[in-house]
Amino acid sequence: MNELPLNVGLLLSGLLFLTGLLGVLIRRNILFMLMSVEIMFNAAALAFVMAGAHHGQPDGQVMLIFILAMAAAEVAVGLALILQMFRQKRTVDSDNLNQLRD
């Protein structure tokens, strides 16, 4: 079985994380921002798995399971908040939602 070198895996993880970070900073649609946060979670999980595989320890896989559970909870709460915001303002654009209500 061919193994991916650690530096290549961490470089891929870093690129995925930067892609997610740029998505959060640039996009205005809250759904796309939520997907960008998911990309960042997956990048962190990939880094943990690569480091765990490099050292021969299952710790990276345990962290992957924790990150997946946290991402599922984040999606459930995030989508519920987005639905409530859409019902009130009829938009998911973050620029239109930043005004506080009386």
N, C-alpha and C. Protein backbone atom coordinates (compact mmCIF):
# COMPACT_ATOMS: atom_id res chain seq x y z
N MET A 1 0.84 -1.17 0.00
CA MET A 1 0.00 0.00 0.00
C MET A 1 0.90 1.24 0.00
N ASN A 2 0.64 2.14 -0.91
CA ASN A 2 1.41 3.38 -0.97
C ASN A 2 0.82 4.39 -0.01
N GLU A 3 1.70 5.02 0.74
CA GLU A 3 1.25 6.02 1.70
C GLU A 3 1.52 7.41 1.16
N LEU A 4 0.64 8.32 1.49
CA LEU A 4 0.81 9.71 1.14
C LEU A 4 1.79 10.33 2.13
N PRO A 5 2.82 11.02 1.65
CA PRO A 5 3.76 11.65 2.59
C PRO A 5 3.05 12.68 3.48
N LEU A 6 3.57 12.82 4.68
CA LEU A 6 2.94 13.71 5.66
C LEU A 6 2.88 15.15 5.17
N ASN A 7 3.96 15.63 4.57
CA ASN A 7 3.97 17.03 4.15
C ASN A 7 2.96 17.29 3.02
N VAL A 8 2.73 16.32 2.15
CA VAL A 8 1.73 16.49 1.09
C VAL A 8 0.32 16.53 1.68
N GLY A 9 0.06 15.65 2.63
CA GLY A 9 -1.25 15.63 3.28
C GLY A 9 -1.53 16.90 4.06
N LEU A 10 -0.51 17.40 4.76
CA LEU A 10 -0.69 18.63 5.53
C LEU A 10 -0.81 19.84 4.61
N LEU A 11 -0.12 19.81 3.47
CA LEU A 11 -0.26 20.88 2.49
C LEU A 11 -1.67 20.90 1.91
N LEU A 12 -2.20 19.73 1.60
CA LEU A 12 -3.58 19.64 1.12
C LEU A 12 -4.56 20.11 2.18
N SER A 13 -4.31 19.75 3.41
CA SER A 13 -5.16 20.18 4.50
C SER A 13 -5.12 21.70 4.65
N GLY A 14 -3.95 22.27 4.54
CA GLY A 14 -3.81 23.73 4.64
C GLY A 14 -4.51 24.44 3.50
N LEU A 15 -4.41 23.90 2.29
CA LEU A 15 -5.10 24.50 1.15
C LEU A 15 -6.62 24.43 1.31
N LEU A 16 -7.11 23.29 1.80
CA LEU A 16 -8.55 23.17 2.06
C LEU A 16 -9.01 24.16 3.13
N PHE A 17 -8.19 24.32 4.17
CA PHE A 17 -8.55 25.25 5.23
C PHE A 17 -8.58 26.68 4.72
N LEU A 18 -7.59 27.05 3.91
CA LEU A 18 -7.58 28.40 3.35
C LEU A 18 -8.75 28.63 2.40
N THR A 19 -9.12 27.60 1.65
CA THR A 19 -10.29 27.71 0.78
C THR A 19 -11.55 27.97 1.61
N GLY A 20 -11.70 27.25 2.70
CA GLY A 20 -12.85 27.47 3.57
C GLY A 20 -12.82 28.84 4.23
N LEU A 21 -11.65 29.28 4.64
CA LEU A 21 -11.52 30.59 5.27
C LEU A 21 -11.87 31.70 4.28
N LEU A 22 -11.39 31.59 3.06
CA LEU A 22 -11.74 32.58 2.04
C LEU A 22 -13.23 32.56 1.75
N GLY A 23 -13.83 31.38 1.76
CA GLY A 23 -15.28 31.30 1.55
C GLY A 23 -16.06 31.99 2.65
N VAL A 24 -15.60 31.87 3.88
CA VAL A 24 -16.28 32.54 5.00
C VAL A 24 -16.11 34.05 4.90
N LEU A 25 -14.91 34.49 4.51
CA LEU A 25 -14.64 35.92 4.48
C LEU A 25 -15.25 36.63 3.27
N ILE A 26 -15.32 35.95 2.14
CA ILE A 26 -15.73 36.60 0.90
C ILE A 26 -17.22 36.47 0.64
N ARG A 27 -17.78 35.29 0.85
CA ARG A 27 -19.18 35.05 0.49
C ARG A 27 -20.12 35.82 1.41
N ARG A 28 -21.28 36.21 0.88
CA ARG A 28 -22.29 36.92 1.66
C ARG A 28 -23.48 36.03 1.99
N ASN A 29 -23.64 34.95 1.28
CA ASN A 29 -24.76 34.05 1.52
C ASN A 29 -24.43 33.16 2.71
N ILE A 30 -25.33 33.10 3.66
CA ILE A 30 -25.05 32.36 4.89
C ILE A 30 -24.93 30.86 4.62
N LEU A 31 -25.66 30.33 3.66
CA LEU A 31 -25.53 28.91 3.33
C LEU A 31 -24.13 28.58 2.83
N PHE A 32 -23.58 29.44 1.98
CA PHE A 32 -22.23 29.22 1.49
C PHE A 32 -21.20 29.38 2.61
N MET A 33 -21.47 30.29 3.53
CA MET A 33 -20.57 30.44 4.68
C MET A 33 -20.58 29.18 5.54
N LEU A 34 -21.76 28.60 5.71
CA LEU A 34 -21.88 27.35 6.48
C LEU A 34 -21.12 26.21 5.81
N MET A 35 -21.22 26.14 4.48
CA MET A 35 -20.46 25.11 3.75
C MET A 35 -18.96 25.35 3.85
N SER A 36 -18.54 26.60 3.89
CA SER A 36 -17.12 26.91 4.03
C SER A 36 -16.60 26.50 5.40
N VAL A 37 -17.41 26.66 6.42
CA VAL A 37 -17.02 26.20 7.76
C VAL A 37 -16.88 24.68 7.77
N GLU A 38 -17.74 23.99 7.04
CA GLU A 38 -17.64 22.53 6.93
C GLU A 38 -16.33 22.13 6.24
N ILE A 39 -15.94 22.87 5.23
CA ILE A 39 -14.66 22.59 4.56
C ILE A 39 -13.51 22.78 5.54
N MET A 40 -13.59 23.80 6.38
CA MET A 40 -12.54 24.03 7.37
C MET A 40 -12.49 22.89 8.39
N PHE A 41 -13.66 22.40 8.82
CA PHE A 41 -13.68 21.25 9.74
C PHE A 41 -13.04 20.03 9.10
N ASN A 42 -13.38 19.78 7.83
CA ASN A 42 -12.81 18.62 7.15
C ASN A 42 -11.31 18.75 6.96
N ALA A 43 -10.82 19.96 6.74
CA ALA A 43 -9.38 20.18 6.62
C ALA A 43 -8.67 19.87 7.94
N ALA A 44 -9.27 20.30 9.04
CA ALA A 44 -8.67 20.00 10.34
C ALA A 44 -8.69 18.49 10.61
N ALA A 45 -9.77 17.83 10.23
CA ALA A 45 -9.87 16.38 10.42
C ALA A 45 -8.82 15.66 9.59
N LEU A 46 -8.60 16.12 8.35
CA LEU A 46 -7.57 15.52 7.51
C LEU A 46 -6.18 15.67 8.13
N ALA A 47 -5.91 16.83 8.70
CA ALA A 47 -4.62 17.05 9.35
C ALA A 47 -4.44 16.11 10.55
N PHE A 48 -5.49 15.93 11.34
CA PHE A 48 -5.40 15.01 12.48
C PHE A 48 -5.17 13.57 12.03
N VAL A 49 -5.88 13.15 11.00
CA VAL A 49 -5.73 11.77 10.52
C VAL A 49 -4.34 11.56 9.94
N MET A 50 -3.83 12.53 9.19
CA MET A 50 -2.49 12.40 8.60
C MET A 50 -1.43 12.33 9.69
N ALA A 51 -1.55 13.18 10.70
CA ALA A 51 -0.56 13.17 11.79
C ALA A 51 -0.65 11.88 12.59
N GLY A 52 -1.85 11.40 12.83
CA GLY A 52 -2.01 10.14 13.55
C GLY A 52 -1.46 8.96 12.77
N ALA A 53 -1.69 8.95 11.46
CA ALA A 53 -1.16 7.87 10.64
C ALA A 53 0.36 7.92 10.56
N HIS A 54 0.90 9.12 10.55
CA HIS A 54 2.37 9.26 10.50
C HIS A 54 3.02 8.71 11.76
N HIS A 55 2.39 8.93 12.89
CA HIS A 55 2.94 8.46 14.16
C HIS A 55 2.45 7.07 14.55
N GLY A 56 1.57 6.50 13.75
CA GLY A 56 1.09 5.15 14.04
C GLY A 56 0.14 5.08 15.22
N GLN A 57 -0.57 6.15 15.51
CA GLN A 57 -1.47 6.21 16.64
C GLN A 57 -2.91 6.41 16.14
N PRO A 58 -3.89 5.87 16.84
CA PRO A 58 -5.30 6.05 16.41
C PRO A 58 -5.90 7.37 16.88
N ASP A 59 -5.11 8.25 17.48
CA ASP A 59 -5.65 9.50 18.02
C ASP A 59 -6.26 10.38 16.94
N GLY A 60 -5.68 10.38 15.76
CA GLY A 60 -6.22 11.19 14.67
C GLY A 60 -7.61 10.73 14.25
N GLN A 61 -7.83 9.42 14.26
CA GLN A 61 -9.14 8.90 13.88
C GLN A 61 -10.18 9.19 14.95
N VAL A 62 -9.76 9.20 16.20
CA VAL A 62 -10.67 9.54 17.29
C VAL A 62 -11.08 11.01 17.16
N MET A 63 -10.12 11.87 16.84
CA MET A 63 -10.44 13.28 16.64
C MET A 63 -11.34 13.48 15.43
N LEU A 64 -11.17 12.65 14.39
CA LEU A 64 -12.03 12.71 13.22
C LEU A 64 -13.48 12.44 13.60
N ILE A 65 -13.71 11.44 14.41
CA ILE A 65 -15.08 11.12 14.85
C ILE A 65 -15.65 12.27 15.67
N PHE A 66 -14.84 12.87 16.53
CA PHE A 66 -15.29 14.02 17.32
C PHE A 66 -15.64 15.20 16.41
N ILE A 67 -14.80 15.46 15.41
CA ILE A 67 -15.03 16.59 14.49
C ILE A 67 -16.28 16.35 13.66
N LEU A 68 -16.51 15.12 13.23
CA LEU A 68 -17.72 14.82 12.47
C LEU A 68 -18.98 15.02 13.31
N ALA A 69 -18.92 14.63 14.57
CA ALA A 69 -20.08 14.83 15.46
C ALA A 69 -20.32 16.32 15.70
N MET A 70 -19.24 17.07 15.88
CA MET A 70 -19.37 18.50 16.09
C MET A 70 -19.90 19.19 14.83
N ALA A 71 -19.46 18.74 13.66
CA ALA A 71 -19.94 19.32 12.41
C ALA A 71 -21.43 19.03 12.20
N ALA A 72 -21.87 17.86 12.58
CA ALA A 72 -23.29 17.53 12.44
C ALA A 72 -24.13 18.42 13.36
N ALA A 73 -23.67 18.65 14.56
CA ALA A 73 -24.39 19.53 15.47
C ALA A 73 -24.38 20.97 14.95
N GLU A 74 -23.27 21.39 14.39
CA GLU A 74 -23.16 22.74 13.85
C GLU A 74 -24.11 22.94 12.68
N VAL A 75 -24.25 21.94 11.83
CA VAL A 75 -25.16 22.03 10.69
C VAL A 75 -26.60 22.10 11.17
N ALA A 76 -26.95 21.31 12.15
CA ALA A 76 -28.33 21.31 12.64
C ALA A 76 -28.69 22.68 13.24
N VAL A 77 -27.83 23.22 14.06
CA VAL A 77 -28.10 24.52 14.68
C VAL A 77 -28.04 25.63 13.63
N GLY A 78 -27.06 25.56 12.74
CA GLY A 78 -26.91 26.59 11.72
C GLY A 78 -28.09 26.64 10.78
N LEU A 79 -28.57 25.49 10.33
CA LEU A 79 -29.71 25.49 9.43
C LEU A 79 -30.99 25.96 10.13
N ALA A 80 -31.14 25.64 11.39
CA ALA A 80 -32.30 26.14 12.14
C ALA A 80 -32.25 27.66 12.25
N LEU A 81 -31.07 28.21 12.52
CA LEU A 81 -30.94 29.67 12.59
C LEU A 81 -31.19 30.32 11.24
N ILE A 82 -30.70 29.70 10.17
CA ILE A 82 -30.91 30.25 8.83
C ILE A 82 -32.39 30.24 8.48
N LEU A 83 -33.09 29.18 8.82
CA LEU A 83 -34.53 29.14 8.55
C LEU A 83 -35.28 30.24 9.29
N GLN A 84 -34.91 30.48 10.54
CA GLN A 84 -35.57 31.55 11.30
C GLN A 84 -35.25 32.92 10.71
N MET A 85 -34.00 33.13 10.31
CA MET A 85 -33.63 34.42 9.70
C MET A 85 -34.36 34.62 8.38
N PHE A 86 -34.50 33.56 7.60
CA PHE A 86 -35.19 33.68 6.33
C PHE A 86 -36.67 33.99 6.52
N ARG A 87 -37.27 33.41 7.55
CA ARG A 87 -38.68 33.68 7.81
C ARG A 87 -38.91 35.13 8.23
N GLN A 88 -37.94 35.71 8.93
CA GLN A 88 -38.11 37.08 9.39
C GLN A 88 -37.75 38.10 8.32
N LYS A 89 -36.64 37.92 7.63
CA LYS A 89 -36.14 38.93 6.69
C LYS A 89 -36.32 38.58 5.22
N ARG A 90 -36.69 37.34 4.90
CA ARG A 90 -36.86 36.87 3.52
C ARG A 90 -35.56 36.95 2.70
N THR A 91 -34.43 36.80 3.36
CA THR A 91 -33.14 36.75 2.67
C THR A 91 -32.15 35.98 3.53
N VAL A 92 -31.13 35.43 2.87
CA VAL A 92 -30.03 34.77 3.60
C VAL A 92 -28.72 35.52 3.36
N ASP A 93 -28.82 36.76 2.88
CA ASP A 93 -27.65 37.59 2.65
C ASP A 93 -27.20 38.18 3.99
N SER A 94 -25.95 37.97 4.34
CA SER A 94 -25.48 38.40 5.66
C SER A 94 -25.42 39.92 5.79
N ASP A 95 -25.27 40.66 4.68
CA ASP A 95 -25.27 42.13 4.77
C ASP A 95 -26.63 42.66 5.17
N ASN A 96 -27.70 42.02 4.73
CA ASN A 96 -29.05 42.46 5.08
C ASN A 96 -29.45 42.03 6.47
N LEU A 97 -28.76 41.07 7.05
CA LEU A 97 -29.13 40.55 8.36
C LEU A 97 -28.33 41.17 9.50
N ASN A 98 -27.41 42.09 9.21
CA ASN A 98 -26.54 42.59 10.26
C ASN A 98 -27.14 43.74 11.05
N GLN A 99 -28.31 44.19 10.70
CA GLN A 99 -28.95 45.28 11.43
C GLN A 99 -29.75 44.73 12.60
N LEU A 100 -29.54 45.30 13.76
CA LEU A 100 -30.26 44.85 14.95
C LEU A 100 -31.69 45.35 14.93
N ARG A 101 -32.53 44.58 15.50
CA ARG A 101 -33.94 44.92 15.53
C ARG A 101 -34.31 45.47 16.90
N ASP A 102 -35.29 46.39 16.95
CA ASP A 102 -35.70 46.98 18.24
C ASP A 102 -36.28 45.95 19.16
